[in-house]
Amino acid sequence: MTQGPVLENVLKRVKAGKASHWVLLDPDDFSPKEGARIAASAESAGVNAVLVGGSLMRSNNFDDFVHGVKESVSLPVILFPGDATQLSRHADAVLFLSLVSGRNPVNLIGEQVKGAPVIKEFGIEPISTAYMLVESGAVSSVEFMSNTRPLPRKKPMIAAAHALAAQYMGMQMVYLEAGSGAPCSVPPNMVKAVGDYVDIPVIVGGGIRDAATAREKLQAGANVIVTGNLLLAPDGVSKLEEIARAVTGETSR
């Protein structure tokens, strides 16, 4: 699969030993105006890209939301779709997710078949990504909506084998996901096991609420840290700045 500019930039950072911090905005949590404001604040804080998407879309303002975010930042805006309806021509790229940790064909290939022609029409960059849910101590929205079981958090080699299989199938990144607002983030030994097995970038998200946790994932082998729900807290933006400083000042393994 060819590399577009967004993925190429990620790979350049990995090769240079630089970690990345992406912020995730869910249109169900913010209005388009709020999303644009927070995205601008995130760029000022030092994040490297903005993700937009969610497990359940209650509002019908997705396209307006993405457009507003894109107009407010010079960063790459990357879609993180819960299904094929969460696509917008205003984005730079889309994580073309396959939920390889599950066995539900809808999330392995069904929604991808629906979305592929739209992505082609919009001309946005698809980044083939192995999406892997990890036990976090509570049922996450994506676990419930996808009707799949997460990987057991105490079995890192099961995660590593899934990630390696995804790489062999041609996927370009691995995303280890504990879920939005997860009580427990992805265990560092699982991050390490996956990073040791694959040669593609490893993204880690879910339950990362402070700089110390972000550093833990980077030191275990993560290349990209994703934060999202902390923005709902009163001190969310300041926490975001703290994590961004830690991540962008830290070298990835």
C-alpha atoms as a PDB file:
ATOM      1  CA  MET A   1       0.000   0.000   0.000  1.00  0.00           C
ATOM      2  CA  THR A   2       1.278   3.471  -0.863  1.00  0.00           C
ATOM      3  CA  GLN A   3       2.126   6.018   1.801  1.00  0.00           C
ATOM      4  CA  GLY A   4       0.370   9.370   1.862  1.00  0.00           C
ATOM      5  CA  PRO A   5       1.802  12.495   3.500  1.00  0.00           C
ATOM      6  CA  VAL A   6       0.182  11.979   6.913  1.00  0.00           C
ATOM      7  CA  LEU A   7       1.522   8.453   7.339  1.00  0.00           C
ATOM      8  CA  GLU A   8       4.847   9.488   5.831  1.00  0.00           C
ATOM      9  CA  ASN A   9       5.213  12.167   8.496  1.00  0.00           C
ATOM     10  CA  VAL A  10       4.464   9.645  11.251  1.00  0.00           C
ATOM     11  CA  LEU A  11       7.090   7.267   9.851  1.00  0.00           C
ATOM     12  CA  LYS A  12       9.654  10.065   9.618  1.00  0.00           C
ATOM     13  CA  ARG A  13       9.090  10.900  13.280  1.00  0.00           C
ATOM     14  CA  VAL A  14       9.424   7.251  14.265  1.00  0.00           C
ATOM     15  CA  LYS A  15      12.644   6.924  12.272  1.00  0.00           C
ATOM     16  CA  ALA A  16      13.998  10.044  13.973  1.00  0.00           C
ATOM     17  CA  GLY A  17      13.083   8.623  17.391  1.00  0.00           C
ATOM     18  CA  LYS A  18      10.392  11.238  17.984  1.00  0.00           C
ATOM     19  CA  ALA A  19       7.144  10.430  19.750  1.00  0.00           C
ATOM     20  CA  SER A  20       3.822  11.958  18.679  1.00  0.00           C
ATOM     21  CA  HIS A  21       0.786  13.149  20.617  1.00  0.00           C
ATOM     22  CA  TRP A  22      -2.634  13.107  18.988  1.00  0.00           C
ATOM     23  CA  VAL A  23      -5.761  14.530  20.571  1.00  0.00           C
ATOM     24  CA  LEU A  24      -9.153  12.885  19.963  1.00  0.00           C
ATOM     25  CA  LEU A  25     -12.300  14.995  19.713  1.00  0.00           C
ATOM     26  CA  ASP A  26     -15.716  13.323  19.800  1.00  0.00           C
ATOM     27  CA  PRO A  27     -18.421  15.445  18.090  1.00  0.00           C
ATOM     28  CA  ASP A  28     -20.926  14.124  20.632  1.00  0.00           C
ATOM     29  CA  ASP A  29     -18.968  15.846  23.409  1.00  0.00           C
ATOM     30  CA  PHE A  30     -18.517  19.290  21.843  1.00  0.00           C
ATOM     31  CA  SER A  31     -20.260  21.659  19.476  1.00  0.00           C
ATOM     32  CA  PRO A  32     -18.453  22.480  16.213  1.00  0.00           C
ATOM     33  CA  LYS A  33     -17.472  25.855  17.691  1.00  0.00           C
ATOM     34  CA  GLU A  34     -16.136  24.262  20.887  1.00  0.00           C
ATOM     35  CA  GLY A  35     -14.320  21.603  18.882  1.00  0.00           C
ATOM     36  CA  ALA A  36     -12.588  24.225  16.753  1.00  0.00           C
ATOM     37  CA  ARG A  37     -11.563  26.169  19.855  1.00  0.00           C
ATOM     38  CA  ILE A  38     -10.193  23.104  21.629  1.00  0.00           C
ATOM     39  CA  ALA A  39      -8.352  21.952  18.497  1.00  0.00           C
ATOM     40  CA  ALA A  40      -6.658  25.348  18.278  1.00  0.00           C
ATOM     41  CA  SER A  41      -5.701  25.113  21.949  1.00  0.00           C
ATOM     42  CA  ALA A  42      -4.344  21.621  21.360  1.00  0.00           C
ATOM     43  CA  GLU A  43      -2.185  22.879  18.505  1.00  0.00           C
ATOM     44  CA  SER A  44      -0.837  25.638  20.735  1.00  0.00           C
ATOM     45  CA  ALA A  45      -0.112  23.005  23.390  1.00  0.00           C
ATOM     46  CA  GLY A  46       2.089  21.119  20.935  1.00  0.00           C
ATOM     47  CA  VAL A  47       0.051  18.123  19.761  1.00  0.00           C
ATOM     48  CA  ASN A  48       0.930  16.667  16.367  1.00  0.00           C
ATOM     49  CA  ALA A  49      -2.502  15.825  14.945  1.00  0.00           C
ATOM     50  CA  VAL A  50      -6.223  15.958  15.712  1.00  0.00           C
ATOM     51  CA  LEU A  51      -8.419  12.854  15.539  1.00  0.00           C
ATOM     52  CA  VAL A  52     -12.187  13.199  15.090  1.00  0.00           C
ATOM     53  CA  GLY A  53     -14.670  10.403  15.726  1.00  0.00           C
ATOM     54  CA  GLY A  54     -16.515   8.307  18.287  1.00  0.00           C
ATOM     55  CA  SER A  55     -18.238   5.002  18.957  1.00  0.00           C
ATOM     56  CA  LEU A  56     -21.773   6.405  18.903  1.00  0.00           C
ATOM     57  CA  MET A  57     -22.788   9.473  16.924  1.00  0.00           C
ATOM     58  CA  ARG A  58     -25.900  11.072  18.432  1.00  0.00           C
ATOM     59  CA  SER A  59     -25.633  14.366  16.554  1.00  0.00           C
ATOM     60  CA  ASN A  60     -25.757  14.989  12.802  1.00  0.00           C
ATOM     61  CA  ASN A  61     -23.079  17.699  12.715  1.00  0.00           C
ATOM     62  CA  PHE A  62     -20.103  15.445  11.922  1.00  0.00           C
ATOM     63  CA  ASP A  63     -19.154  17.107   8.644  1.00  0.00           C
ATOM     64  CA  ASP A  64     -19.544  20.613  10.101  1.00  0.00           C
ATOM     65  CA  PHE A  65     -17.466  19.560  13.093  1.00  0.00           C
ATOM     66  CA  VAL A  66     -14.597  18.264  10.946  1.00  0.00           C
ATOM     67  CA  HIS A  67     -14.739  21.366   8.753  1.00  0.00           C
ATOM     68  CA  GLY A  68     -14.565  23.654  11.785  1.00  0.00           C
ATOM     69  CA  VAL A  69     -11.603  21.780  13.237  1.00  0.00           C
ATOM     70  CA  LYS A  70      -9.772  21.822   9.907  1.00  0.00           C
ATOM     71  CA  GLU A  71     -10.290  25.574   9.568  1.00  0.00           C
ATOM     72  CA  SER A  72      -8.925  26.202  13.062  1.00  0.00           C
ATOM     73  CA  VAL A  73      -5.606  24.324  12.840  1.00  0.00           C
ATOM     74  CA  SER A  74      -2.685  23.719  10.523  1.00  0.00           C
ATOM     75  CA  LEU A  75      -2.246  20.201  11.917  1.00  0.00           C
ATOM     76  CA  PRO A  76      -3.347  17.042  10.109  1.00  0.00           C
ATOM     77  CA  VAL A  77      -6.996  16.258  10.843  1.00  0.00           C
ATOM     78  CA  ILE A  78      -7.467  12.491  10.886  1.00  0.00           C
ATOM     79  CA  LEU A  79     -10.804  10.690  11.036  1.00  0.00           C
ATOM     80  CA  PHE A  80     -11.218   8.003  13.690  1.00  0.00           C
ATOM     81  CA  PRO A  81     -14.539   6.563  12.515  1.00  0.00           C
ATOM     82  CA  GLY A  82     -16.852   4.402  14.557  1.00  0.00           C
ATOM     83  CA  ASP A  83     -18.541   3.324  11.329  1.00  0.00           C
ATOM     84  CA  ALA A  84     -18.835   4.218   7.643  1.00  0.00           C
ATOM     85  CA  THR A  85     -21.076   7.226   8.333  1.00  0.00           C
ATOM     86  CA  GLN A  86     -18.245   9.103  10.073  1.00  0.00           C
ATOM     87  CA  LEU A  87     -16.457  10.309   6.955  1.00  0.00           C
ATOM     88  CA  SER A  88     -15.826  13.859   5.756  1.00  0.00           C
ATOM     89  CA  ARG A  89     -14.118  15.343   2.724  1.00  0.00           C
ATOM     90  CA  HIS A  90     -12.681  18.081   4.974  1.00  0.00           C
ATOM     91  CA  ALA A  91     -10.239  15.689   6.698  1.00  0.00           C
ATOM     92  CA  ASP A  92      -6.673  15.023   5.609  1.00  0.00           C
ATOM     93  CA  ALA A  93      -6.694  11.303   6.353  1.00  0.00           C
ATOM     94  CA  VAL A  94      -8.710   8.494   7.893  1.00  0.00           C
ATOM     95  CA  LEU A  95      -7.560   5.641  10.097  1.00  0.00           C
ATOM     96  CA  PHE A  96      -8.957   2.784   8.001  1.00  0.00           C
ATOM     97  CA  LEU A  97      -9.653   0.642  11.042  1.00  0.00           C
ATOM     98  CA  SER A  98     -10.184  -3.090  11.181  1.00  0.00           C
ATOM     99  CA  LEU A  99     -11.077  -4.402  14.635  1.00  0.00           C
ATOM    100  CA  VAL A 100      -8.669  -7.335  14.499  1.00  0.00           C
ATOM    101  CA  SER A 101      -8.987  -8.120  18.206  1.00  0.00           C
ATOM    102  CA  GLY A 102     -12.619  -9.101  17.653  1.00  0.00           C
ATOM    103  CA  ARG A 103     -14.398 -11.650  15.517  1.00  0.00           C
ATOM    104  CA  ASN A 104     -17.365  -9.566  14.393  1.00  0.00           C
ATOM    105  CA  PRO A 105     -17.233  -9.438  10.565  1.00  0.00           C
ATOM    106  CA  VAL A 106     -19.045  -6.095  10.540  1.00  0.00           C
ATOM    107  CA  ASN A 107     -16.055  -4.443  12.193  1.00  0.00           C
ATOM    108  CA  LEU A 108     -13.425  -6.561  10.455  1.00  0.00           C
ATOM    109  CA  ILE A 109     -14.552  -5.836   6.884  1.00  0.00           C
ATOM    110  CA  GLY A 110     -18.250  -4.873   6.679  1.00  0.00           C
ATOM    111  CA  GLU A 111     -18.052  -1.170   7.518  1.00  0.00           C
ATOM    112  CA  GLN A 112     -14.786  -0.935   5.576  1.00  0.00           C
ATOM    113  CA  VAL A 113     -16.515  -2.070   2.373  1.00  0.00           C
ATOM    114  CA  LYS A 114     -19.185   0.610   2.884  1.00  0.00           C
ATOM    115  CA  GLY A 115     -16.642   3.328   3.566  1.00  0.00           C
ATOM    116  CA  ALA A 116     -13.982   2.586   0.937  1.00  0.00           C
ATOM    117  CA  PRO A 117     -15.811   4.091  -2.077  1.00  0.00           C
ATOM    118  CA  VAL A 118     -16.616   7.241  -0.083  1.00  0.00           C
ATOM    119  CA  ILE A 119     -12.988   7.651   0.983  1.00  0.00           C
ATOM    120  CA  LYS A 120     -11.913   7.281  -2.648  1.00  0.00           C
ATOM    121  CA  GLU A 121     -14.472   9.865  -3.769  1.00  0.00           C
ATOM    122  CA  PHE A 122     -13.403  12.325  -1.069  1.00  0.00           C
ATOM    123  CA  GLY A 123      -9.728  11.869  -1.898  1.00  0.00           C
ATOM    124  CA  ILE A 124      -8.616  11.619   1.722  1.00  0.00           C
ATOM    125  CA  GLU A 125      -5.635   9.499   2.715  1.00  0.00           C
ATOM    126  CA  PRO A 126      -6.511   6.031   4.067  1.00  0.00           C
ATOM    127  CA  ILE A 127      -4.130   4.636   6.693  1.00  0.00           C
ATOM    128  CA  SER A 128      -4.713   0.924   7.210  1.00  0.00           C
ATOM    129  CA  THR A 129      -4.796   0.420  10.974  1.00  0.00           C
ATOM    130  CA  ALA A 130      -5.168  -2.689  13.124  1.00  0.00           C
ATOM    131  CA  TYR A 131      -7.543  -1.653  15.908  1.00  0.00           C
ATOM    132  CA  MET A 132      -7.166  -3.733  19.066  1.00  0.00           C
ATOM    133  CA  LEU A 133      -9.324  -3.408  22.168  1.00  0.00           C
ATOM    134  CA  VAL A 134      -7.717  -4.177  25.513  1.00  0.00           C
ATOM    135  CA  GLU A 135      -9.404  -5.000  28.834  1.00  0.00           C
ATOM    136  CA  SER A 136      -9.534  -1.842  30.944  1.00  0.00           C
ATOM    137  CA  GLY A 137     -11.557  -2.721  34.023  1.00  0.00           C
ATOM    138  CA  ALA A 138     -14.911  -1.627  32.597  1.00  0.00           C
ATOM    139  CA  VAL A 139     -17.011  -2.178  29.481  1.00  0.00           C
ATOM    140  CA  SER A 140     -16.069   0.562  27.016  1.00  0.00           C
ATOM    141  CA  SER A 141     -18.415   2.171  24.496  1.00  0.00           C
ATOM    142  CA  VAL A 142     -16.525   0.661  21.571  1.00  0.00           C
ATOM    143  CA  GLU A 143     -16.623  -2.802  23.154  1.00  0.00           C
ATOM    144  CA  PHE A 144     -20.378  -2.574  23.635  1.00  0.00           C
ATOM    145  CA  MET A 145     -21.131  -1.047  20.224  1.00  0.00           C
ATOM    146  CA  SER A 146     -18.864  -3.469  18.341  1.00  0.00           C
ATOM    147  CA  ASN A 147     -20.165  -6.526  20.194  1.00  0.00           C
ATOM    148  CA  THR A 148     -16.630  -7.871  20.623  1.00  0.00           C
ATOM    149  CA  ARG A 149     -14.538  -8.992  23.563  1.00  0.00           C
ATOM    150  CA  PRO A 150     -11.320  -7.091  24.336  1.00  0.00           C
ATOM    151  CA  LEU A 151      -7.938  -8.760  24.546  1.00  0.00           C
ATOM    152  CA  PRO A 152      -7.076  -9.975  28.084  1.00  0.00           C
ATOM    153  CA  ARG A 153      -4.756  -7.418  29.657  1.00  0.00           C
ATOM    154  CA  LYS A 154      -2.676 -10.099  31.367  1.00  0.00           C
ATOM    155  CA  LYS A 155      -1.935 -11.906  28.088  1.00  0.00           C
ATOM    156  CA  PRO A 156       0.469  -9.596  26.200  1.00  0.00           C
ATOM    157  CA  MET A 157       1.548 -12.257  23.708  1.00  0.00           C
ATOM    158  CA  ILE A 158      -2.013 -12.662  22.461  1.00  0.00           C
ATOM    159  CA  ALA A 159      -1.936  -8.960  21.580  1.00  0.00           C
ATOM    160  CA  ALA A 160       1.501  -9.320  19.997  1.00  0.00           C
ATOM    161  CA  ALA A 161       0.337 -12.197  17.791  1.00  0.00           C
ATOM    162  CA  HIS A 162      -2.706 -10.212  16.620  1.00  0.00           C
ATOM    163  CA  ALA A 163      -0.515  -7.214  15.809  1.00  0.00           C
ATOM    164  CA  LEU A 164       2.000  -9.296  13.872  1.00  0.00           C
ATOM    165  CA  ALA A 165      -0.773 -10.977  11.880  1.00  0.00           C
ATOM    166  CA  ALA A 166      -2.127  -7.518  11.014  1.00  0.00           C
ATOM    167  CA  GLN A 167       1.316  -6.401   9.838  1.00  0.00           C
ATOM    168  CA  TYR A 168       1.660  -9.507   7.693  1.00  0.00           C
ATOM    169  CA  MET A 169      -1.731  -8.684   6.144  1.00  0.00           C
ATOM    170  CA  GLY A 170      -0.348  -5.319   5.122  1.00  0.00           C
ATOM    171  CA  MET A 171      -1.698  -2.999   7.794  1.00  0.00           C
ATOM    172  CA  GLN A 172       0.359   0.133   8.366  1.00  0.00           C
ATOM    173  CA  MET A 173      -0.187   0.882  12.069  1.00  0.00           C
ATOM    174  CA  VAL A 174      -1.377  -0.809  15.258  1.00  0.00           C
ATOM    175  CA  TYR A 175      -3.744   0.967  17.656  1.00  0.00           C
ATOM    176  CA  LEU A 176      -3.982  -0.447  21.198  1.00  0.00           C
ATOM    177  CA  GLU A 177      -7.171   0.923  22.737  1.00  0.00           C
ATOM    178  CA  ALA A 178      -8.313   0.703  26.354  1.00  0.00           C
ATOM    179  CA  GLY A 179     -11.388   2.833  25.590  1.00  0.00           C
ATOM    180  CA  SER A 180     -12.490   6.374  26.331  1.00  0.00           C
ATOM    181  CA  GLY A 181     -12.404   7.116  30.040  1.00  0.00           C
ATOM    182  CA  ALA A 182     -10.908   3.695  30.784  1.00  0.00           C
ATOM    183  CA  PRO A 183     -10.169   3.010  34.479  1.00  0.00           C
ATOM    184  CA  CYS A 184      -6.921   1.280  33.434  1.00  0.00           C
ATOM    185  CA  SER A 185      -4.732   2.112  30.451  1.00  0.00           C
ATOM    186  CA  VAL A 186      -3.018  -0.458  28.224  1.00  0.00           C
ATOM    187  CA  PRO A 187      -0.402  -2.311  30.327  1.00  0.00           C
ATOM    188  CA  PRO A 188       3.191  -1.365  29.485  1.00  0.00           C
ATOM    189  CA  ASN A 189       4.227  -5.016  29.131  1.00  0.00           C
ATOM    190  CA  MET A 190       1.599  -5.414  26.408  1.00  0.00           C
ATOM    191  CA  VAL A 191       2.832  -2.282  24.645  1.00  0.00           C
ATOM    192  CA  LYS A 192       6.361  -3.695  24.804  1.00  0.00           C
ATOM    193  CA  ALA A 193       5.322  -7.124  23.531  1.00  0.00           C
ATOM    194  CA  VAL A 194       3.556  -5.578  20.538  1.00  0.00           C
ATOM    195  CA  GLY A 195       6.398  -3.161  19.836  1.00  0.00           C
ATOM    196  CA  ASP A 196       8.930  -5.994  19.936  1.00  0.00           C
ATOM    197  CA  TYR A 197       6.902  -8.045  17.435  1.00  0.00           C
ATOM    198  CA  VAL A 198       6.020  -5.470  14.766  1.00  0.00           C
ATOM    199  CA  ASP A 199       7.885  -3.028  12.558  1.00  0.00           C
ATOM    200  CA  ILE A 200       4.979  -0.605  12.143  1.00  0.00           C
ATOM    201  CA  PRO A 201       4.067   2.341  14.401  1.00  0.00           C
ATOM    202  CA  VAL A 202       2.253   1.528  17.638  1.00  0.00           C
ATOM    203  CA  ILE A 203      -0.487   3.892  18.822  1.00  0.00           C
ATOM    204  CA  VAL A 204      -1.763   3.700  22.410  1.00  0.00           C
ATOM    205  CA  GLY A 205      -4.925   5.367  23.691  1.00  0.00           C
ATOM    206  CA  GLY A 206      -7.464   5.158  26.498  1.00  0.00           C
ATOM    207  CA  GLY A 207      -7.019   6.005  30.171  1.00  0.00           C
ATOM    208  CA  ILE A 208      -4.001   8.285  29.640  1.00  0.00           C
ATOM    209  CA  ARG A 209      -4.701  11.284  31.862  1.00  0.00           C
ATOM    210  CA  ASP A 210      -1.278  12.522  32.932  1.00  0.00           C
ATOM    211  CA  ALA A 211       2.293  12.923  31.723  1.00  0.00           C
ATOM    212  CA  ALA A 212       3.615  10.041  33.825  1.00  0.00           C
ATOM    213  CA  THR A 213       1.252   7.552  32.176  1.00  0.00           C
ATOM    214  CA  ALA A 214       2.120   8.894  28.736  1.00  0.00           C
ATOM    215  CA  ARG A 215       5.848   8.489  29.429  1.00  0.00           C
ATOM    216  CA  GLU A 216       5.233   4.940  30.661  1.00  0.00           C
ATOM    217  CA  LYS A 217       3.696   3.982  27.306  1.00  0.00           C
ATOM    218  CA  LEU A 218       6.471   5.669  25.331  1.00  0.00           C
ATOM    219  CA  GLN A 219       9.191   3.959  27.319  1.00  0.00           C
ATOM    220  CA  ALA A 220       7.431   0.628  26.728  1.00  0.00           C
ATOM    221  CA  GLY A 221       7.534   1.181  22.968  1.00  0.00           C
ATOM    222  CA  ALA A 222       4.581   3.334  21.895  1.00  0.00           C
ATOM    223  CA  ASN A 223       5.204   5.745  19.031  1.00  0.00           C
ATOM    224  CA  VAL A 224       1.965   7.734  19.276  1.00  0.00           C
ATOM    225  CA  ILE A 225      -0.050   8.672  22.378  1.00  0.00           C
ATOM    226  CA  VAL A 226      -3.747   9.530  22.045  1.00  0.00           C
ATOM    227  CA  THR A 227      -5.665  11.486  24.679  1.00  0.00           C
ATOM    228  CA  GLY A 228      -9.311  12.468  24.558  1.00  0.00           C
ATOM    229  CA  ASN A 229     -11.659  12.333  27.545  1.00  0.00           C
ATOM    230  CA  LEU A 230      -9.404  14.437  29.761  1.00  0.00           C
ATOM    231  CA  LEU A 231     -10.581  17.443  27.715  1.00  0.00           C
ATOM    232  CA  LEU A 232     -13.973  17.113  29.408  1.00  0.00           C
ATOM    233  CA  ALA A 233     -12.402  17.942  32.792  1.00  0.00           C
ATOM    234  CA  PRO A 234     -12.235  21.575  33.990  1.00  0.00           C
ATOM    235  CA  ASP A 235      -8.426  21.445  33.848  1.00  0.00           C
ATOM    236  CA  GLY A 236      -8.406  19.410  30.643  1.00  0.00           C
ATOM    237  CA  VAL A 237      -6.522  21.875  28.458  1.00  0.00           C
ATOM    238  CA  SER A 238      -3.779  22.372  31.043  1.00  0.00           C
ATOM    239  CA  LYS A 239      -3.460  18.580  31.405  1.00  0.00           C
ATOM    240  CA  LEU A 240      -3.239  18.334  27.631  1.00  0.00           C
ATOM    241  CA  GLU A 241      -0.388  20.839  27.588  1.00  0.00           C
ATOM    242  CA  GLU A 242       1.430  18.864  30.289  1.00  0.00           C
ATOM    243  CA  ILE A 243       1.115  15.606  28.353  1.00  0.00           C
ATOM    244  CA  ALA A 244       2.066  17.228  25.048  1.00  0.00           C
ATOM    245  CA  ARG A 245       5.251  18.621  26.577  1.00  0.00           C
ATOM    246  CA  ALA A 246       6.108  15.220  27.993  1.00  0.00           C
ATOM    247  CA  VAL A 247       5.426  13.357  24.759  1.00  0.00           C
ATOM    248  CA  THR A 248       7.065  15.701  22.277  1.00  0.00           C
ATOM    249  CA  GLY A 249      10.064  16.061  24.569  1.00  0.00           C
ATOM    250  CA  GLU A 250      10.388  12.288  24.902  1.00  0.00           C
ATOM    251  CA  THR A 251      11.998  10.016  22.357  1.00  0.00           C
ATOM    252  CA  SER A 252      10.106   6.905  21.328  1.00  0.00           C
ATOM    253  CA  ARG A 253      11.825   3.565  21.768  1.00  0.00           C
END
